[in-house]
Amino acid sequence: MFSNYVNCYLIEVDNGYVMIDTGMPDKRQGIEKEIENFGCYPGKLKLIILTHGDFDHDGNAAYFRKRYGAKIVMHPNDVDMFEHGDMF
């Protein structure tokens, strides 16, 4: 999937889907439409992998976690950026 700013990947696995990066919040509606076009509905997204803590990669992570029930993983050095919204 492409969110017009950053690549988001949806990978089908045995028990559902894994998403790599989540795109920017202003692209959420289009990304979510593509996710569901692939058959990924709430409960099927198992894991979100964030490659790093920039808003264009993690901007929808909290929303997708809540809506789809997915767990989020990222490098521990980027956790503060994600939790506090401080990209610097």
Protein backbone atom coordinates (compact mmCIF):
# COMPACT_ATOMS: atom_id res chain seq x y z
CA MET A 1 0.00 0.00 0.00
CA PHE A 2 1.16 3.53 -0.57
CA SER A 3 -0.11 6.42 1.50
CA ASN A 4 1.10 9.18 -0.86
CA TYR A 5 3.95 9.97 1.51
CA VAL A 6 5.30 6.79 3.03
CA ASN A 7 5.05 3.14 2.11
CA CYS A 8 2.85 0.98 4.32
CA TYR A 9 3.01 -2.75 3.93
CA LEU A 10 0.37 -5.31 4.83
CA ILE A 11 1.58 -8.90 4.99
CA GLU A 12 -0.76 -11.86 5.28
CA VAL A 13 0.42 -14.42 7.81
CA ASP A 14 -1.08 -17.70 9.02
CA ASN A 15 -3.42 -16.18 11.58
CA GLY A 16 -4.10 -12.72 10.12
CA TYR A 17 -2.01 -9.74 9.02
CA VAL A 18 1.09 -7.79 9.95
CA MET A 19 1.41 -4.11 9.03
CA ILE A 20 4.74 -2.35 8.59
CA ASP A 21 4.44 1.39 9.23
CA THR A 22 1.09 3.13 9.39
CA GLY A 23 1.37 6.37 7.43
CA MET A 24 0.25 9.87 8.27
CA PRO A 25 -3.03 10.59 10.05
CA ASP A 26 -4.38 12.67 7.16
CA LYS A 27 -4.07 9.57 4.93
CA ARG A 28 -5.82 7.26 7.42
CA GLN A 29 -9.10 6.90 5.56
CA GLY A 30 -7.41 5.75 2.35
CA ILE A 31 -5.04 3.42 4.17
CA GLU A 32 -7.89 1.88 6.13
CA LYS A 33 -9.88 1.36 2.93
CA GLU A 34 -6.94 -0.48 1.39
CA ILE A 35 -6.46 -2.59 4.52
CA GLU A 36 -10.08 -3.70 4.39
CA ASN A 37 -9.89 -4.29 0.61
CA PHE A 38 -7.29 -6.93 1.46
CA GLY A 39 -9.70 -8.57 3.92
CA CYS A 40 -8.09 -7.23 7.07
CA TYR A 41 -10.83 -6.32 9.52
CA PRO A 42 -10.80 -5.72 13.29
CA GLY A 43 -9.29 -8.74 15.00
CA LYS A 44 -7.28 -9.81 11.95
CA LEU A 45 -4.43 -7.29 12.23
CA LYS A 46 -2.14 -9.02 14.70
CA LEU A 47 0.99 -6.87 14.72
CA ILE A 48 2.15 -3.40 13.68
CA ILE A 49 5.89 -3.00 13.13
CA LEU A 50 7.13 0.59 13.18
CA THR A 51 10.46 1.00 11.39
CA HIS A 52 11.16 4.21 13.30
CA GLY A 53 9.44 6.90 15.32
CA ASP A 54 8.63 9.54 12.70
CA PHE A 55 5.06 10.80 12.32
CA ASP A 56 4.87 9.65 8.70
CA HIS A 57 5.58 6.08 9.82
CA ASP A 58 3.76 5.91 13.15
CA GLY A 59 1.03 8.52 12.70
CA ASN A 60 -1.83 6.00 12.69
CA ALA A 61 -0.35 3.40 15.02
CA ALA A 62 -2.47 4.19 18.08
CA TYR A 63 -5.65 4.35 15.99
CA PHE A 64 -4.97 1.05 14.21
CA ARG A 65 -4.02 -0.62 17.50
CA LYS A 66 -7.33 0.40 19.04
CA ARG A 67 -9.51 -0.27 15.98
CA TYR A 68 -7.94 -3.57 14.90
CA GLY A 69 -6.62 -4.91 18.22
CA ALA A 70 -3.02 -5.18 17.01
CA LYS A 71 0.11 -5.11 19.12
CA ILE A 72 2.80 -2.56 18.26
CA VAL A 73 6.55 -3.19 18.17
CA MET A 74 9.40 -0.80 17.48
CA HIS A 75 13.03 -0.30 18.38
CA PRO A 76 13.37 0.68 22.04
CA ASN A 77 15.44 3.77 21.12
CA ASP A 78 12.40 5.25 19.33
CA VAL A 79 9.79 4.56 22.00
CA ASP A 80 10.11 8.01 23.62
CA MET A 81 9.54 9.72 20.26
CA PHE A 82 6.38 7.71 19.75
CA GLU A 83 5.01 8.03 23.27
CA HIS A 84 5.67 11.76 23.59
CA GLY A 85 5.27 12.88 19.97
CA ASP A 86 8.80 14.33 20.01
CA MET A 87 10.47 13.51 16.71
CA PHE A 88 13.70 15.24 17.74
